[in-house]
């Protein structure tokens, strides 16, 4: 299982596919499959049976997308960037945007 550099709550931009250029927040990560679910991206229609909690009908929900097809949004410029790691003076390991050098978290 690979370690993902993208976490839940990160802002990402889609690099390829029919949703190319869209940005959204990561709702869930699936590290065993190397996939992420991004809010408002890769929408699919599902036919759902009525239950006691939910109404039936055709609902739209986000489907997972491969982690290689998304990139982190640079906090400074707003463009896609790669993610690196850096150790601060106090010994804390943080994620860093490669494009601008800004600390992500």
C-alpha atoms as a PDB file:
ATOM      1  CA  UNK A   1       0.000   0.000   0.000  1.00  0.00           C
ATOM      2  CA  UNK A   2       1.488   3.306  -1.114  1.00  0.00           C
ATOM      3  CA  UNK A   3       1.560   6.413   1.077  1.00  0.00           C
ATOM      4  CA  UNK A   4      -0.488   9.206  -0.459  1.00  0.00           C
ATOM      5  CA  UNK A   5       0.731  12.800  -0.398  1.00  0.00           C
ATOM      6  CA  UNK A   6      -2.868  14.013  -0.630  1.00  0.00           C
ATOM      7  CA  UNK A   7      -5.030  14.000   2.496  1.00  0.00           C
ATOM      8  CA  UNK A   8      -8.704  14.485   3.304  1.00  0.00           C
ATOM      9  CA  UNK A   9      -9.616  18.169   3.203  1.00  0.00           C
ATOM     10  CA  UNK A  10      -6.914  19.179   0.685  1.00  0.00           C
ATOM     11  CA  UNK A  11      -7.766  21.379  -2.293  1.00  0.00           C
ATOM     12  CA  UNK A  12      -6.847  19.624  -5.544  1.00  0.00           C
ATOM     13  CA  UNK A  13      -7.147  20.263  -9.274  1.00  0.00           C
ATOM     14  CA  UNK A  14      -7.967  17.547 -11.821  1.00  0.00           C
ATOM     15  CA  UNK A  15      -5.228  17.099 -14.439  1.00  0.00           C
ATOM     16  CA  UNK A  16      -6.815  14.675 -16.934  1.00  0.00           C
ATOM     17  CA  UNK A  17     -10.173  13.277 -17.976  1.00  0.00           C
ATOM     18  CA  UNK A  18     -13.566  14.821 -18.639  1.00  0.00           C
ATOM     19  CA  UNK A  19     -13.325  16.982 -15.492  1.00  0.00           C
ATOM     20  CA  UNK A  20      -9.914  18.422 -16.384  1.00  0.00           C
ATOM     21  CA  UNK A  21      -9.329  21.820 -14.776  1.00  0.00           C
ATOM     22  CA  UNK A  22     -11.975  21.458 -12.065  1.00  0.00           C
ATOM     23  CA  UNK A  23     -10.959  22.032  -8.478  1.00  0.00           C
ATOM     24  CA  UNK A  24     -12.460  20.554  -5.359  1.00  0.00           C
ATOM     25  CA  UNK A  25     -11.899  19.347  -1.834  1.00  0.00           C
ATOM     26  CA  UNK A  26     -10.860  15.761  -1.109  1.00  0.00           C
ATOM     27  CA  UNK A  27     -13.737  14.067   0.712  1.00  0.00           C
ATOM     28  CA  UNK A  28     -12.106  10.659   1.206  1.00  0.00           C
ATOM     29  CA  UNK A  29      -8.850   8.888   0.412  1.00  0.00           C
ATOM     30  CA  UNK A  30      -8.585   5.226  -0.517  1.00  0.00           C
ATOM     31  CA  UNK A  31      -4.870   4.432  -0.054  1.00  0.00           C
ATOM     32  CA  UNK A  32      -5.230   0.708  -0.750  1.00  0.00           C
ATOM     33  CA  UNK A  33      -6.540   1.509  -4.253  1.00  0.00           C
ATOM     34  CA  UNK A  34      -4.491   4.724  -4.794  1.00  0.00           C
ATOM     35  CA  UNK A  35      -7.728   6.656  -5.326  1.00  0.00           C
ATOM     36  CA  UNK A  36      -9.419   9.752  -3.906  1.00  0.00           C
ATOM     37  CA  UNK A  37     -12.986  11.087  -3.914  1.00  0.00           C
ATOM     38  CA  UNK A  38     -13.152  14.805  -4.783  1.00  0.00           C
ATOM     39  CA  UNK A  39     -16.195  16.993  -4.155  1.00  0.00           C
ATOM     40  CA  UNK A  40     -18.015  17.891  -7.389  1.00  0.00           C
ATOM     41  CA  UNK A  41     -15.703  15.842  -9.639  1.00  0.00           C
ATOM     42  CA  UNK A  42     -16.398  12.583 -11.527  1.00  0.00           C
ATOM     43  CA  UNK A  43     -20.140  12.626 -10.878  1.00  0.00           C
ATOM     44  CA  UNK A  44     -22.089   9.425 -11.662  1.00  0.00           C
ATOM     45  CA  UNK A  45     -25.821   8.735 -11.566  1.00  0.00           C
ATOM     46  CA  UNK A  46     -26.965   5.842  -9.418  1.00  0.00           C
ATOM     47  CA  UNK A  47     -30.407   4.253  -9.245  1.00  0.00           C
ATOM     48  CA  UNK A  48     -31.287   3.936  -5.589  1.00  0.00           C
ATOM     49  CA  UNK A  49     -34.123   1.967  -4.048  1.00  0.00           C
ATOM     50  CA  UNK A  50     -36.262   3.722  -1.474  1.00  0.00           C
ATOM     51  CA  UNK A  51     -35.390   2.963   2.148  1.00  0.00           C
ATOM     52  CA  UNK A  52     -36.696   4.185   5.481  1.00  0.00           C
ATOM     53  CA  UNK A  53     -34.014   6.901   5.581  1.00  0.00           C
ATOM     54  CA  UNK A  54     -33.640   7.867   1.899  1.00  0.00           C
ATOM     55  CA  UNK A  55     -35.977   8.541  -0.970  1.00  0.00           C
ATOM     56  CA  UNK A  56     -35.644   6.391  -4.059  1.00  0.00           C
ATOM     57  CA  UNK A  57     -34.804   7.572  -7.542  1.00  0.00           C
ATOM     58  CA  UNK A  58     -31.757   8.599  -9.512  1.00  0.00           C
ATOM     59  CA  UNK A  59     -29.125  10.268  -7.334  1.00  0.00           C
ATOM     60  CA  UNK A  60     -25.824  11.844  -8.310  1.00  0.00           C
ATOM     61  CA  UNK A  61     -22.718  11.051  -6.290  1.00  0.00           C
ATOM     62  CA  UNK A  62     -18.966  11.451  -6.581  1.00  0.00           C
ATOM     63  CA  UNK A  63     -16.989   8.427  -7.747  1.00  0.00           C
ATOM     64  CA  UNK A  64     -13.320   7.875  -6.953  1.00  0.00           C
ATOM     65  CA  UNK A  65     -10.562   9.131  -9.246  1.00  0.00           C
ATOM     66  CA  UNK A  66      -6.981   7.888  -9.423  1.00  0.00           C
ATOM     67  CA  UNK A  67      -4.556   9.905  -7.324  1.00  0.00           C
ATOM     68  CA  UNK A  68      -2.206  10.393 -10.304  1.00  0.00           C
ATOM     69  CA  UNK A  69      -4.940  12.389 -12.073  1.00  0.00           C
ATOM     70  CA  UNK A  70      -5.115  15.076  -9.383  1.00  0.00           C
ATOM     71  CA  UNK A  71      -2.559  17.567  -8.097  1.00  0.00           C
ATOM     72  CA  UNK A  72      -2.449  19.782  -5.051  1.00  0.00           C
ATOM     73  CA  UNK A  73      -3.406  23.449  -5.524  1.00  0.00           C
ATOM     74  CA  UNK A  74      -0.543  25.831  -4.735  1.00  0.00           C
ATOM     75  CA  UNK A  75      -1.524  28.073  -1.786  1.00  0.00           C
ATOM     76  CA  UNK A  76       0.269  31.055  -3.315  1.00  0.00           C
ATOM     77  CA  UNK A  77      -0.503  30.907  -7.054  1.00  0.00           C
ATOM     78  CA  UNK A  78      -3.561  28.676  -7.247  1.00  0.00           C
ATOM     79  CA  UNK A  79      -2.026  26.406  -9.911  1.00  0.00           C
ATOM     80  CA  UNK A  80      -1.236  22.703  -9.753  1.00  0.00           C
ATOM     81  CA  UNK A  81       1.901  21.769  -7.839  1.00  0.00           C
ATOM     82  CA  UNK A  82       3.766  18.711  -6.677  1.00  0.00           C
ATOM     83  CA  UNK A  83       4.153  18.000  -2.983  1.00  0.00           C
ATOM     84  CA  UNK A  84       7.418  17.565  -1.126  1.00  0.00           C
ATOM     85  CA  UNK A  85       8.392  17.147   2.495  1.00  0.00           C
ATOM     86  CA  UNK A  86      10.514  19.366   4.696  1.00  0.00           C
ATOM     87  CA  UNK A  87      11.622  19.153   8.318  1.00  0.00           C
ATOM     88  CA  UNK A  88      11.233  22.375  10.300  1.00  0.00           C
ATOM     89  CA  UNK A  89      13.671  23.597  12.958  1.00  0.00           C
ATOM     90  CA  UNK A  90      11.513  22.177  15.753  1.00  0.00           C
ATOM     91  CA  UNK A  91      11.696  18.701  14.170  1.00  0.00           C
ATOM     92  CA  UNK A  92       8.184  18.680  12.704  1.00  0.00           C
ATOM     93  CA  UNK A  93       7.792  17.149   9.229  1.00  0.00           C
ATOM     94  CA  UNK A  94       5.476  19.186   6.978  1.00  0.00           C
ATOM     95  CA  UNK A  95       4.269  19.057   3.382  1.00  0.00           C
ATOM     96  CA  UNK A  96       5.601  21.768   1.066  1.00  0.00           C
ATOM     97  CA  UNK A  97       4.401  22.970  -2.352  1.00  0.00           C
ATOM     98  CA  UNK A  98       7.222  22.465  -4.866  1.00  0.00           C
ATOM     99  CA  UNK A  99       6.115  25.388  -7.061  1.00  0.00           C
ATOM    100  CA  UNK A 100       6.270  28.142  -4.433  1.00  0.00           C
ATOM    101  CA  UNK A 101       7.886  26.526  -1.373  1.00  0.00           C
ATOM    102  CA  UNK A 102       4.877  27.361   0.808  1.00  0.00           C
ATOM    103  CA  UNK A 103       4.024  25.074   3.707  1.00  0.00           C
ATOM    104  CA  UNK A 104       0.745  23.239   2.984  1.00  0.00           C
ATOM    105  CA  UNK A 105      -0.169  22.008   6.468  1.00  0.00           C
END
